[in-house]
Amino acid sequence: MDSPDWRLCVAPMIDVTDRHCRYFHRLLAPRARLYTEMITTGALLYGNVARHLDFDEAEHPVALQLGGSEPDALAQSAKLGRQWGYDEINLNCGCPSERVQKGAFGACLMAEPALVADCIKAMQDAVDIPVTVKHRLGLDYDESYAFVRDFVGKIYDTGCRVFIAHARNAVLKGLSPKDNREIPPLRYDVVSQLKRDFPDCVFVLNGGLADAAQSVRAAADFDGVMLGRAAWHTPRVLSEVSLQLWPSVRLPSDAQVVDAMMEYAARQVARGVPLRVMTRPMLGLVNGQSGARRWRRMLSDPALLAANDPALIYDAWRSQRHAPPERGAALAAAPAGV
């Protein structure tokens, strides 16, 4: 069995990285580490476990991200994740939304490192797979290095050795989750200092990684990179980064991705899953190519999706391939001065 590898990760994104999105991302990045949306302990302990945890074997390696702050509940949830076959349990200590704060988890947990350590230890005792943490660099406008150093140090004492650092502070009041991804300044230097102070740990850089070139440069400086919105809006960035990190990796063409997603969608539609949830993560596949707008329009058209026919994916691809050049794409491809 290959040893765990965090060189390329796809961020957990609420209402985005469901099992269908992860399957699509796996096609584009055969060796990336994929993460579920954050799933709360309450949803697992009192809800439909299969709905939250079922996934396709092709998704491996795949991590379950948990939201919670009660050690016993997190331990039980981690155990469920292990039973369902997940490769890693990740604790969310980075989400700044007010809804999450009301549940006493997410970024606000950074103010209670001893509690986080108890949570990590409880999960470590419950499972035999890596237990990791995703965190910010500070809370509100306190940018002292000591805060995040002491937080990481407390977790380090549990034996946790993998930290996914969103290189911004989390502002708990006054900023939306979207603003929290954009307004607090990026501080990659702080993550670099953490890497120097905890040299036997894996530090994965998250935040502000917008394209393949930037991500590959960051991957050389850190133990890995985690892409979020870039993977959603321009999913081929995952292939571009993969090729740089694993030069021998075999990447599928757009036609092969379309064929694979049609087959996958057919299986899912037969189980009663609406086609729209499979086409949604695919909207950015051909961004930057001629006909991309037509592709997006067809795969998001309620009238076309209502038939639940996976052949729509092929029809959209064929239409995109035969579309005349779009003005935006033509201008983007034009040489300087034209």
C-alpha atoms as a PDB file:
ATOM      1  CA  MET A   1       0.000   0.000   0.000  1.00  0.00           C
ATOM      2  CA  ASP A   2       1.284   3.467  -0.879  1.00  0.00           C
ATOM      3  CA  SER A   3       2.174   5.728   2.028  1.00  0.00           C
ATOM      4  CA  PRO A   4      -0.146   8.718   2.587  1.00  0.00           C
ATOM      5  CA  ASP A   5       0.554  11.614   0.243  1.00  0.00           C
ATOM      6  CA  TRP A   6      -0.701  15.162   0.725  1.00  0.00           C
ATOM      7  CA  ARG A   7       1.126  16.826  -2.178  1.00  0.00           C
ATOM      8  CA  LEU A   8      -2.141  17.726  -3.932  1.00  0.00           C
ATOM      9  CA  CYS A   9      -5.443  17.979  -2.077  1.00  0.00           C
ATOM     10  CA  VAL A  10      -8.887  19.242  -3.036  1.00  0.00           C
ATOM     11  CA  ALA A  11     -10.426  21.318  -0.267  1.00  0.00           C
ATOM     12  CA  PRO A  12     -13.591  20.362   1.583  1.00  0.00           C
ATOM     13  CA  MET A  13     -16.253  22.784   0.329  1.00  0.00           C
ATOM     14  CA  ILE A  14     -19.793  22.845   1.673  1.00  0.00           C
ATOM     15  CA  ASP A  15     -22.400  22.227  -1.046  1.00  0.00           C
ATOM     16  CA  VAL A  16     -19.591  21.489  -3.512  1.00  0.00           C
ATOM     17  CA  THR A  17     -17.419  18.447  -2.773  1.00  0.00           C
ATOM     18  CA  ASP A  18     -20.110  15.805  -2.574  1.00  0.00           C
ATOM     19  CA  ARG A  19     -19.391  12.285  -3.810  1.00  0.00           C
ATOM     20  CA  HIS A  20     -20.237  13.163  -7.420  1.00  0.00           C
ATOM     21  CA  CYS A  21     -17.889  16.132  -7.487  1.00  0.00           C
ATOM     22  CA  ARG A  22     -15.165  13.985  -5.942  1.00  0.00           C
ATOM     23  CA  TYR A  23     -15.621  11.277  -8.576  1.00  0.00           C
ATOM     24  CA  PHE A  24     -15.218  13.905 -11.291  1.00  0.00           C
ATOM     25  CA  HIS A  25     -12.133  15.366  -9.625  1.00  0.00           C
ATOM     26  CA  ARG A  26     -10.624  11.898  -9.323  1.00  0.00           C
ATOM     27  CA  LEU A  27     -10.785  11.519 -13.106  1.00  0.00           C
ATOM     28  CA  LEU A  28      -8.825  14.753 -13.514  1.00  0.00           C
ATOM     29  CA  ALA A  29      -6.291  14.093 -10.757  1.00  0.00           C
ATOM     30  CA  PRO A  30      -5.629  10.363 -10.279  1.00  0.00           C
ATOM     31  CA  ARG A  31      -3.406  10.824  -7.213  1.00  0.00           C
ATOM     32  CA  ALA A  32      -4.899  13.846  -5.467  1.00  0.00           C
ATOM     33  CA  ARG A  33      -6.283  13.501  -1.959  1.00  0.00           C
ATOM     34  CA  LEU A  34     -10.002  14.324  -1.918  1.00  0.00           C
ATOM     35  CA  TYR A  35     -12.043  15.645   1.010  1.00  0.00           C
ATOM     36  CA  THR A  36     -15.726  15.459   1.800  1.00  0.00           C
ATOM     37  CA  GLU A  37     -17.784  18.477   2.617  1.00  0.00           C
ATOM     38  CA  MET A  38     -17.699  19.157   6.340  1.00  0.00           C
ATOM     39  CA  ILE A  39     -20.129  16.715   7.971  1.00  0.00           C
ATOM     40  CA  THR A  40     -21.242  17.416  11.517  1.00  0.00           C
ATOM     41  CA  THR A  41     -21.192  14.781  14.214  1.00  0.00           C
ATOM     42  CA  GLY A  42     -24.920  15.318  14.704  1.00  0.00           C
ATOM     43  CA  ALA A  43     -25.632  14.515  11.062  1.00  0.00           C
ATOM     44  CA  LEU A  44     -23.795  11.202  11.408  1.00  0.00           C
ATOM     45  CA  LEU A  45     -24.978  10.161  14.854  1.00  0.00           C
ATOM     46  CA  TYR A  46     -28.619  11.139  14.375  1.00  0.00           C
ATOM     47  CA  GLY A  47     -29.073  11.239  10.605  1.00  0.00           C
ATOM     48  CA  ASN A  48     -28.818   9.060   7.521  1.00  0.00           C
ATOM     49  CA  VAL A  49     -25.271   7.704   7.685  1.00  0.00           C
ATOM     50  CA  ALA A  50     -25.318   6.157   4.212  1.00  0.00           C
ATOM     51  CA  ARG A  51     -26.453   9.409   2.615  1.00  0.00           C
ATOM     52  CA  HIS A  52     -23.515  11.234   4.169  1.00  0.00           C
ATOM     53  CA  LEU A  53     -20.765   8.618   3.955  1.00  0.00           C
ATOM     54  CA  ASP A  54     -21.377   6.437   0.906  1.00  0.00           C
ATOM     55  CA  PHE A  55     -18.809   6.956  -1.838  1.00  0.00           C
ATOM     56  CA  ASP A  56     -17.305   5.275  -4.895  1.00  0.00           C
ATOM     57  CA  GLU A  57     -14.187   3.144  -4.478  1.00  0.00           C
ATOM     58  CA  ALA A  58     -12.555   5.163  -7.263  1.00  0.00           C
ATOM     59  CA  GLU A  59     -12.408   8.164  -4.918  1.00  0.00           C
ATOM     60  CA  HIS A  60      -9.529   6.778  -2.810  1.00  0.00           C
ATOM     61  CA  PRO A  61      -7.604   8.348  -1.216  1.00  0.00           C
ATOM     62  CA  VAL A  62     -10.510  10.234   0.326  1.00  0.00           C
ATOM     63  CA  ALA A  63     -10.761  11.975   3.696  1.00  0.00           C
ATOM     64  CA  LEU A  64     -13.787  12.607   5.875  1.00  0.00           C
ATOM     65  CA  GLN A  65     -13.909  16.106   7.317  1.00  0.00           C
ATOM     66  CA  LEU A  66     -15.829  16.337  10.582  1.00  0.00           C
ATOM     67  CA  GLY A  67     -17.379  19.316  12.298  1.00  0.00           C
ATOM     68  CA  GLY A  68     -17.817  19.055  16.046  1.00  0.00           C
ATOM     69  CA  SER A  69     -16.364  19.874  19.436  1.00  0.00           C
ATOM     70  CA  GLU A  70     -17.365  16.969  21.676  1.00  0.00           C
ATOM     71  CA  PRO A  71     -14.599  14.344  21.923  1.00  0.00           C
ATOM     72  CA  ASP A  72     -16.945  11.383  22.371  1.00  0.00           C
ATOM     73  CA  ALA A  73     -19.171  12.386  19.446  1.00  0.00           C
ATOM     74  CA  LEU A  74     -16.143  12.962  17.239  1.00  0.00           C
ATOM     75  CA  ALA A  75     -14.695   9.588  18.219  1.00  0.00           C
ATOM     76  CA  GLN A  76     -17.950   7.832  17.316  1.00  0.00           C
ATOM     77  CA  SER A  77     -18.134   9.726  14.018  1.00  0.00           C
ATOM     78  CA  ALA A  78     -14.507   8.951  13.198  1.00  0.00           C
ATOM     79  CA  LYS A  79     -15.196   5.290  13.857  1.00  0.00           C
ATOM     80  CA  LEU A  80     -18.102   5.419  11.400  1.00  0.00           C
ATOM     81  CA  GLY A  81     -15.830   7.029   8.828  1.00  0.00           C
ATOM     82  CA  ARG A  82     -13.288   4.256   9.282  1.00  0.00           C
ATOM     83  CA  GLN A  83     -15.982   1.599   8.969  1.00  0.00           C
ATOM     84  CA  TRP A  84     -17.131   3.136   5.690  1.00  0.00           C
ATOM     85  CA  GLY A  85     -13.598   3.012   4.324  1.00  0.00           C
ATOM     86  CA  TYR A  86     -12.277   6.571   4.551  1.00  0.00           C
ATOM     87  CA  ASP A  87      -8.504   7.028   4.492  1.00  0.00           C
ATOM     88  CA  GLU A  88      -8.246   9.988   6.868  1.00  0.00           C
ATOM     89  CA  ILE A  89     -10.300  11.895   9.422  1.00  0.00           C
ATOM     90  CA  ASN A  90      -9.906  15.676   9.337  1.00  0.00           C
ATOM     91  CA  LEU A  91     -11.174  18.061  12.015  1.00  0.00           C
ATOM     92  CA  ASN A  92     -12.497  21.408  10.814  1.00  0.00           C
ATOM     93  CA  CYS A  93     -10.929  24.224  12.831  1.00  0.00           C
ATOM     94  CA  GLY A  94     -11.135  26.762  10.034  1.00  0.00           C
ATOM     95  CA  CYS A  95     -14.729  27.458   8.990  1.00  0.00           C
ATOM     96  CA  PRO A  96     -15.701  30.976  10.150  1.00  0.00           C
ATOM     97  CA  SER A  97     -19.433  30.977   9.354  1.00  0.00           C
ATOM     98  CA  GLU A  98     -21.764  32.172  12.092  1.00  0.00           C
ATOM     99  CA  ARG A  99     -23.928  29.074  11.672  1.00  0.00           C
ATOM    100  CA  VAL A 100     -20.926  26.864  12.387  1.00  0.00           C
ATOM    101  CA  GLN A 101     -19.887  29.058  15.316  1.00  0.00           C
ATOM    102  CA  LYS A 102     -23.310  28.564  16.880  1.00  0.00           C
ATOM    103  CA  GLY A 103     -22.527  24.852  16.900  1.00  0.00           C
ATOM    104  CA  ALA A 104     -19.280  25.658  18.778  1.00  0.00           C
ATOM    105  CA  PHE A 105     -16.990  24.230  16.113  1.00  0.00           C
ATOM    106  CA  GLY A 106     -15.027  25.398  13.090  1.00  0.00           C
ATOM    107  CA  ALA A 107     -12.594  28.305  13.398  1.00  0.00           C
ATOM    108  CA  CYS A 108     -13.773  29.306  16.865  1.00  0.00           C
ATOM    109  CA  LEU A 109     -12.175  26.087  18.171  1.00  0.00           C
ATOM    110  CA  MET A 110      -8.776  27.696  17.680  1.00  0.00           C
ATOM    111  CA  ALA A 111      -9.498  29.685  20.846  1.00  0.00           C
ATOM    112  CA  GLU A 112      -9.631  26.383  22.763  1.00  0.00           C
ATOM    113  CA  PRO A 113      -6.525  24.390  21.814  1.00  0.00           C
ATOM    114  CA  ALA A 114      -6.811  22.104  24.844  1.00  0.00           C
ATOM    115  CA  LEU A 115     -10.307  21.075  23.754  1.00  0.00           C
ATOM    116  CA  VAL A 116      -9.099  20.512  20.193  1.00  0.00           C
ATOM    117  CA  ALA A 117      -6.300  18.321  21.544  1.00  0.00           C
ATOM    118  CA  ASP A 118      -8.859  16.276  23.499  1.00  0.00           C
ATOM    119  CA  CYS A 119     -10.932  15.891  20.329  1.00  0.00           C
ATOM    120  CA  ILE A 120      -7.935  14.781  18.283  1.00  0.00           C
ATOM    121  CA  LYS A 121      -6.833  12.300  20.944  1.00  0.00           C
ATOM    122  CA  ALA A 122     -10.316  10.810  21.196  1.00  0.00           C
ATOM    123  CA  MET A 123     -10.418  10.254  17.435  1.00  0.00           C
ATOM    124  CA  GLN A 124      -6.896   8.825  17.384  1.00  0.00           C
ATOM    125  CA  ASP A 125      -7.933   6.327  20.038  1.00  0.00           C
ATOM    126  CA  ALA A 126     -10.957   5.340  17.952  1.00  0.00           C
ATOM    127  CA  VAL A 127      -9.354   4.782  14.532  1.00  0.00           C
ATOM    128  CA  ASP A 128      -6.141   3.500  12.974  1.00  0.00           C
ATOM    129  CA  ILE A 129      -5.988   6.017  10.110  1.00  0.00           C
ATOM    130  CA  PRO A 130      -4.455   9.533  10.114  1.00  0.00           C
ATOM    131  CA  VAL A 131      -6.331  12.172  12.110  1.00  0.00           C
ATOM    132  CA  THR A 132      -5.506  15.627  10.772  1.00  0.00           C
ATOM    133  CA  VAL A 133      -6.481  19.259  11.345  1.00  0.00           C
ATOM    134  CA  LYS A 134      -7.492  22.062   8.986  1.00  0.00           C
ATOM    135  CA  HIS A 135      -7.038  25.448  10.619  1.00  0.00           C
ATOM    136  CA  ARG A 136      -6.534  29.172  10.106  1.00  0.00           C
ATOM    137  CA  LEU A 137      -3.583  31.250  11.309  1.00  0.00           C
ATOM    138  CA  GLY A 138      -5.442  33.314  13.875  1.00  0.00           C
ATOM    139  CA  LEU A 139      -8.756  34.771  14.948  1.00  0.00           C
ATOM    140  CA  ASP A 140     -10.135  38.178  14.064  1.00  0.00           C
ATOM    141  CA  TYR A 141      -7.310  40.703  13.733  1.00  0.00           C
ATOM    142  CA  ASP A 142      -4.754  39.126  16.062  1.00  0.00           C
ATOM    143  CA  GLU A 143      -1.802  38.263  13.822  1.00  0.00           C
ATOM    144  CA  SER A 144       0.646  37.181  16.521  1.00  0.00           C
ATOM    145  CA  TYR A 145       2.674  34.163  15.481  1.00  0.00           C
ATOM    146  CA  ALA A 146       2.611  32.869  19.051  1.00  0.00           C
ATOM    147  CA  PHE A 147      -1.128  32.188  18.787  1.00  0.00           C
ATOM    148  CA  VAL A 148      -0.928  29.736  15.891  1.00  0.00           C
ATOM    149  CA  ARG A 149       2.414  28.304  17.066  1.00  0.00           C
ATOM    150  CA  ASP A 150       0.917  27.432  20.440  1.00  0.00           C
ATOM    151  CA  PHE A 151      -2.217  26.031  18.795  1.00  0.00           C
ATOM    152  CA  VAL A 152      -0.187  23.748  16.540  1.00  0.00           C
ATOM    153  CA  GLY A 153       2.091  22.856  19.448  1.00  0.00           C
ATOM    154  CA  LYS A 154      -0.825  21.706  21.587  1.00  0.00           C
ATOM    155  CA  ILE A 155      -2.131  19.506  18.771  1.00  0.00           C
ATOM    156  CA  TYR A 156       1.387  18.262  18.045  1.00  0.00           C
ATOM    157  CA  ASP A 157       1.565  16.900  21.588  1.00  0.00           C
ATOM    158  CA  THR A 158      -1.259  14.470  20.742  1.00  0.00           C
ATOM    159  CA  GLY A 159       0.856  12.893  18.009  1.00  0.00           C
ATOM    160  CA  CYS A 160      -0.974  14.623  15.150  1.00  0.00           C
ATOM    161  CA  ARG A 161       1.525  15.369  12.392  1.00  0.00           C
ATOM    162  CA  VAL A 162      -0.559  16.684   9.482  1.00  0.00           C
ATOM    163  CA  PHE A 163      -1.757  20.292   9.455  1.00  0.00           C
ATOM    164  CA  ILE A 164      -3.659  21.904   6.602  1.00  0.00           C
ATOM    165  CA  ALA A 165      -3.171  25.631   7.052  1.00  0.00           C
ATOM    166  CA  HIS A 166      -5.493  28.130   5.399  1.00  0.00           C
ATOM    167  CA  ALA A 167      -2.990  30.970   5.357  1.00  0.00           C
ATOM    168  CA  ARG A 168      -5.386  33.657   6.584  1.00  0.00           C
ATOM    169  CA  ASN A 169      -6.984  34.652   9.853  1.00  0.00           C
ATOM    170  CA  ALA A 170     -10.658  33.900  10.426  1.00  0.00           C
ATOM    171  CA  VAL A 171     -12.723  36.971  11.267  1.00  0.00           C
ATOM    172  CA  LEU A 172     -15.574  35.628  13.369  1.00  0.00           C
ATOM    173  CA  LYS A 173     -17.846  38.679  13.282  1.00  0.00           C
ATOM    174  CA  GLY A 174     -18.675  40.984  10.415  1.00  0.00           C
ATOM    175  CA  LEU A 175     -17.376  38.974   7.457  1.00  0.00           C
ATOM    176  CA  SER A 176     -19.216  36.359   5.429  1.00  0.00           C
ATOM    177  CA  PRO A 177     -17.525  33.034   4.619  1.00  0.00           C
ATOM    178  CA  LYS A 178     -16.827  34.398   1.126  1.00  0.00           C
ATOM    179  CA  ASP A 179     -15.247  37.562   2.549  1.00  0.00           C
ATOM    180  CA  ASN A 180     -13.203  35.409   4.924  1.00  0.00           C
ATOM    181  CA  ARG A 181     -11.701  33.679   1.891  1.00  0.00           C
ATOM    182  CA  GLU A 182     -10.704  36.983   0.324  1.00  0.00           C
ATOM    183  CA  ILE A 183     -10.274  39.886   2.766  1.00  0.00           C
ATOM    184  CA  PRO A 184      -7.927  38.695   5.549  1.00  0.00           C
ATOM    185  CA  PRO A 185      -4.405  38.922   4.102  1.00  0.00           C
ATOM    186  CA  LEU A 186      -2.565  35.812   3.007  1.00  0.00           C
ATOM    187  CA  ARG A 187       0.458  35.039   5.186  1.00  0.00           C
ATOM    188  CA  TYR A 188       2.375  32.227   3.573  1.00  0.00           C
ATOM    189  CA  ASP A 189       5.437  33.256   5.577  1.00  0.00           C
ATOM    190  CA  VAL A 190       3.683  32.193   8.781  1.00  0.00           C
ATOM    191  CA  VAL A 191       3.082  28.692   7.406  1.00  0.00           C
ATOM    192  CA  SER A 192       6.746  28.593   6.387  1.00  0.00           C
ATOM    193  CA  GLN A 193       7.726  29.441   9.956  1.00  0.00           C
ATOM    194  CA  LEU A 194       5.478  26.681  11.296  1.00  0.00           C
ATOM    195  CA  LYS A 195       7.184  24.255   8.951  1.00  0.00           C
ATOM    196  CA  ARG A 196      10.575  25.316  10.327  1.00  0.00           C
ATOM    197  CA  ASP A 197       9.423  25.092  13.950  1.00  0.00           C
ATOM    198  CA  PHE A 198       7.777  21.666  13.501  1.00  0.00           C
ATOM    199  CA  PRO A 199      10.080  20.000  10.951  1.00  0.00           C
ATOM    200  CA  ASP A 200       8.668  16.489  11.360  1.00  0.00           C
ATOM    201  CA  CYS A 201       5.137  17.603  10.453  1.00  0.00           C
ATOM    202  CA  VAL A 202       3.348  17.769   7.119  1.00  0.00           C
ATOM    203  CA  PHE A 203       2.126  21.291   6.349  1.00  0.00           C
ATOM    204  CA  VAL A 204      -0.302  21.623   3.454  1.00  0.00           C
ATOM    205  CA  LEU A 205      -0.816  25.170   2.170  1.00  0.00           C
ATOM    206  CA  ASN A 206      -4.370  26.336   1.473  1.00  0.00           C
ATOM    207  CA  GLY A 207      -5.674  29.748   0.455  1.00  0.00           C
ATOM    208  CA  GLY A 208      -5.174  31.995  -2.555  1.00  0.00           C
ATOM    209  CA  LEU A 209      -3.865  29.290  -4.891  1.00  0.00           C
ATOM    210  CA  ALA A 210      -5.488  30.403  -8.113  1.00  0.00           C
ATOM    211  CA  ASP A 211      -3.632  28.596 -10.902  1.00  0.00           C
ATOM    212  CA  ALA A 212      -1.334  25.699 -11.675  1.00  0.00           C
ATOM    213  CA  ALA A 213       1.930  27.652 -11.822  1.00  0.00           C
ATOM    214  CA  GLN A 214       1.376  29.215  -8.400  1.00  0.00           C
ATOM    215  CA  SER A 215       0.310  25.872  -6.941  1.00  0.00           C
ATOM    216  CA  VAL A 216       3.357  24.033  -8.280  1.00  0.00           C
ATOM    217  CA  ARG A 217       5.679  26.702  -6.857  1.00  0.00           C
ATOM    218  CA  ALA A 218       3.965  26.405  -3.480  1.00  0.00           C
ATOM    219  CA  ALA A 219       4.178  22.615  -3.590  1.00  0.00           C
ATOM    220  CA  ALA A 220       7.953  22.951  -3.808  1.00  0.00           C
ATOM    221  CA  ASP A 221       8.036  25.075  -0.636  1.00  0.00           C
ATOM    222  CA  PHE A 222       5.532  23.118   1.452  1.00  0.00           C
ATOM    223  CA  ASP A 223       4.596  19.472   1.899  1.00  0.00           C
ATOM    224  CA  GLY A 224       1.508  19.891  -0.225  1.00  0.00           C
ATOM    225  CA  VAL A 225      -1.099  22.271  -1.573  1.00  0.00           C
ATOM    226  CA  MET A 226      -4.853  22.265  -1.183  1.00  0.00           C
ATOM    227  CA  LEU A 227      -6.930  23.835  -3.950  1.00  0.00           C
ATOM    228  CA  GLY A 228     -10.492  24.971  -3.357  1.00  0.00           C
ATOM    229  CA  ARG A 229     -12.336  27.411  -5.585  1.00  0.00           C
ATOM    230  CA  ALA A 230      -9.772  27.035  -8.376  1.00  0.00           C
ATOM    231  CA  ALA A 231     -10.627  23.331  -8.577  1.00  0.00           C
ATOM    232  CA  TRP A 232     -14.316  24.191  -8.757  1.00  0.00           C
ATOM    233  CA  HIS A 233     -14.161  26.979 -11.345  1.00  0.00           C
ATOM    234  CA  THR A 234     -11.341  25.573 -13.513  1.00  0.00           C
ATOM    235  CA  PRO A 235     -11.123  21.871 -12.649  1.00  0.00           C
ATOM    236  CA  ARG A 236      -8.457  21.145 -15.263  1.00  0.00           C
ATOM    237  CA  VAL A 237      -6.039  22.953 -12.936  1.00  0.00           C
ATOM    238  CA  LEU A 238      -5.976  19.673 -11.003  1.00  0.00           C
ATOM    239  CA  SER A 239      -4.647  17.883 -14.078  1.00  0.00           C
ATOM    240  CA  GLU A 240      -2.050  20.572 -14.724  1.00  0.00           C
ATOM    241  CA  VAL A 241      -0.721  20.391 -11.169  1.00  0.00           C
ATOM    242  CA  SER A 242      -0.841  16.585 -11.195  1.00  0.00           C
ATOM    243  CA  LEU A 243       1.317  16.425 -14.295  1.00  0.00           C
ATOM    244  CA  GLN A 244       3.973  18.587 -12.648  1.00  0.00           C
ATOM    245  CA  LEU A 245       3.977  16.647  -9.380  1.00  0.00           C
ATOM    246  CA  TRP A 246       3.730  13.179 -10.956  1.00  0.00           C
ATOM    247  CA  PRO A 247       5.188  13.426 -14.488  1.00  0.00           C
ATOM    248  CA  SER A 248       4.367   9.791 -15.275  1.00  0.00           C
ATOM    249  CA  VAL A 249       0.682  10.126 -14.399  1.00  0.00           C
ATOM    250  CA  ARG A 250      -1.740   9.316 -17.222  1.00  0.00           C
ATOM    251  CA  LEU A 251      -4.391  11.983 -17.592  1.00  0.00           C
ATOM    252  CA  PRO A 252      -7.641  11.521 -19.518  1.00  0.00           C
ATOM    253  CA  SER A 253      -8.640  13.684 -22.460  1.00  0.00           C
ATOM    254  CA  ASP A 254     -11.849  15.695 -22.298  1.00  0.00           C
ATOM    255  CA  ALA A 255     -13.490  12.999 -24.436  1.00  0.00           C
ATOM    256  CA  GLN A 256     -12.453  10.306 -21.964  1.00  0.00           C
ATOM    257  CA  VAL A 257     -13.738  12.368 -19.039  1.00  0.00           C
ATOM    258  CA  VAL A 258     -17.051  12.828 -20.842  1.00  0.00           C
ATOM    259  CA  ASP A 259     -17.326   9.073 -21.483  1.00  0.00           C
ATOM    260  CA  ALA A 260     -16.469   8.229 -17.876  1.00  0.00           C
ATOM    261  CA  MET A 261     -18.945  10.734 -16.476  1.00  0.00           C
ATOM    262  CA  MET A 262     -21.683   9.481 -18.796  1.00  0.00           C
ATOM    263  CA  GLU A 263     -21.156   5.936 -17.517  1.00  0.00           C
ATOM    264  CA  TYR A 264     -21.041   7.125 -13.919  1.00  0.00           C
ATOM    265  CA  ALA A 265     -24.155   9.270 -14.371  1.00  0.00           C
ATOM    266  CA  ALA A 266     -26.026   6.327 -15.876  1.00  0.00           C
ATOM    267  CA  ARG A 267     -25.301   4.244 -12.772  1.00  0.00           C
ATOM    268  CA  GLN A 268     -26.357   7.045 -10.463  1.00  0.00           C
ATOM    269  CA  VAL A 269     -29.519   7.945 -12.376  1.00  0.00           C
ATOM    270  CA  ALA A 270     -30.526   4.275 -12.173  1.00  0.00           C
ATOM    271  CA  ARG A 271     -30.292   4.666  -8.378  1.00  0.00           C
ATOM    272  CA  GLY A 272     -32.613   7.674  -8.467  1.00  0.00           C
ATOM    273  CA  VAL A 273     -29.990  10.439  -8.355  1.00  0.00           C
ATOM    274  CA  PRO A 274     -30.918  13.508 -10.458  1.00  0.00           C
ATOM    275  CA  LEU A 275     -28.592  14.121 -13.399  1.00  0.00           C
ATOM    276  CA  ARG A 276     -28.084  17.756 -12.380  1.00  0.00           C
ATOM    277  CA  VAL A 277     -25.948  16.816  -9.373  1.00  0.00           C
ATOM    278  CA  MET A 278     -23.487  15.033 -11.699  1.00  0.00           C
ATOM    279  CA  THR A 279     -23.334  17.813 -14.298  1.00  0.00           C
ATOM    280  CA  ARG A 280     -22.920  20.652 -11.800  1.00  0.00           C
ATOM    281  CA  PRO A 281     -19.235  20.004 -10.972  1.00  0.00           C
ATOM    282  CA  MET A 282     -18.500  19.569 -14.691  1.00  0.00           C
ATOM    283  CA  LEU A 283     -19.490  23.096 -15.728  1.00  0.00           C
ATOM    284  CA  GLY A 284     -15.915  24.408 -15.673  1.00  0.00           C
ATOM    285  CA  LEU A 285     -14.303  21.476 -17.508  1.00  0.00           C
ATOM    286  CA  VAL A 286     -13.804  23.309 -20.813  1.00  0.00           C
ATOM    287  CA  ASN A 287     -13.406  26.842 -19.477  1.00  0.00           C
ATOM    288  CA  GLY A 288     -11.193  28.853 -21.797  1.00  0.00           C
ATOM    289  CA  GLN A 289     -12.101  26.752 -24.835  1.00  0.00           C
ATOM    290  CA  SER A 290     -14.375  27.721 -27.704  1.00  0.00           C
ATOM    291  CA  GLY A 291     -17.937  26.743 -26.947  1.00  0.00           C
ATOM    292  CA  ALA A 292     -17.455  26.731 -23.166  1.00  0.00           C
ATOM    293  CA  ARG A 293     -20.505  28.930 -22.691  1.00  0.00           C
ATOM    294  CA  ARG A 294     -22.654  26.563 -24.716  1.00  0.00           C
ATOM    295  CA  TRP A 295     -21.357  23.608 -22.657  1.00  0.00           C
ATOM    296  CA  ARG A 296     -22.242  25.342 -19.387  1.00  0.00           C
ATOM    297  CA  ARG A 297     -25.628  26.424 -20.663  1.00  0.00           C
ATOM    298  CA  MET A 298     -26.637  22.944 -21.779  1.00  0.00           C
ATOM    299  CA  LEU A 299     -25.453  21.211 -18.600  1.00  0.00           C
ATOM    300  CA  SER A 300     -27.323  23.667 -16.378  1.00  0.00           C
ATOM    301  CA  ASP A 301     -30.536  23.994 -18.412  1.00  0.00           C
ATOM    302  CA  PRO A 302     -33.437  22.784 -16.208  1.00  0.00           C
ATOM    303  CA  ALA A 303     -35.484  21.756 -19.236  1.00  0.00           C
ATOM    304  CA  LEU A 304     -32.692  19.588 -20.646  1.00  0.00           C
ATOM    305  CA  LEU A 305     -31.788  18.154 -17.246  1.00  0.00           C
ATOM    306  CA  ALA A 306     -35.395  17.226 -16.496  1.00  0.00           C
ATOM    307  CA  ALA A 307     -35.160  14.207 -18.808  1.00  0.00           C
ATOM    308  CA  ASN A 308     -32.419  12.729 -16.574  1.00  0.00           C
ATOM    309  CA  ASP A 309     -30.670  11.361 -19.661  1.00  0.00           C
ATOM    310  CA  PRO A 310     -26.882  11.006 -19.209  1.00  0.00           C
ATOM    311  CA  ALA A 311     -26.504  11.385 -22.986  1.00  0.00           C
ATOM    312  CA  LEU A 312     -26.911  15.115 -22.359  1.00  0.00           C
ATOM    313  CA  ILE A 313     -23.267  15.158 -21.241  1.00  0.00           C
ATOM    314  CA  TYR A 314     -22.145  13.858 -24.625  1.00  0.00           C
ATOM    315  CA  ASP A 315     -24.543  16.150 -26.482  1.00  0.00           C
ATOM    316  CA  ALA A 316     -23.160  19.166 -24.631  1.00  0.00           C
ATOM    317  CA  TRP A 317     -19.591  18.117 -25.398  1.00  0.00           C
ATOM    318  CA  ARG A 318     -20.355  17.562 -29.079  1.00  0.00           C
ATOM    319  CA  SER A 319     -22.097  20.939 -29.246  1.00  0.00           C
ATOM    320  CA  GLN A 320     -19.147  22.623 -27.538  1.00  0.00           C
ATOM    321  CA  ARG A 321     -16.667  20.987 -29.920  1.00  0.00           C
ATOM    322  CA  HIS A 322     -18.543  22.254 -32.977  1.00  0.00           C
ATOM    323  CA  ALA A 323     -19.330  25.702 -31.639  1.00  0.00           C
ATOM    324  CA  PRO A 324     -17.902  28.741 -33.435  1.00  0.00           C
ATOM    325  CA  PRO A 325     -15.192  30.603 -31.501  1.00  0.00           C
ATOM    326  CA  GLU A 326     -16.623  32.803 -28.777  1.00  0.00           C
ATOM    327  CA  ARG A 327     -15.533  36.413 -28.715  1.00  0.00           C
ATOM    328  CA  GLY A 328     -14.019  36.164 -25.227  1.00  0.00           C
ATOM    329  CA  ALA A 329     -12.030  33.042 -26.079  1.00  0.00           C
ATOM    330  CA  ALA A 330     -10.778  34.531 -29.339  1.00  0.00           C
ATOM    331  CA  LEU A 331      -9.584  37.689 -27.619  1.00  0.00           C
ATOM    332  CA  ALA A 332      -7.873  35.696 -24.875  1.00  0.00           C
ATOM    333  CA  ALA A 333      -5.985  33.676 -27.476  1.00  0.00           C
ATOM    334  CA  ALA A 334      -4.965  36.668 -29.588  1.00  0.00           C
ATOM    335  CA  PRO A 335      -1.303  37.725 -29.475  1.00  0.00           C
ATOM    336  CA  ALA A 336      -0.413  40.977 -27.757  1.00  0.00           C
ATOM    337  CA  GLY A 337      -1.047  44.020 -29.888  1.00  0.00           C
ATOM    338  CA  VAL A 338      -3.757  42.422 -32.020  1.00  0.00           C
END
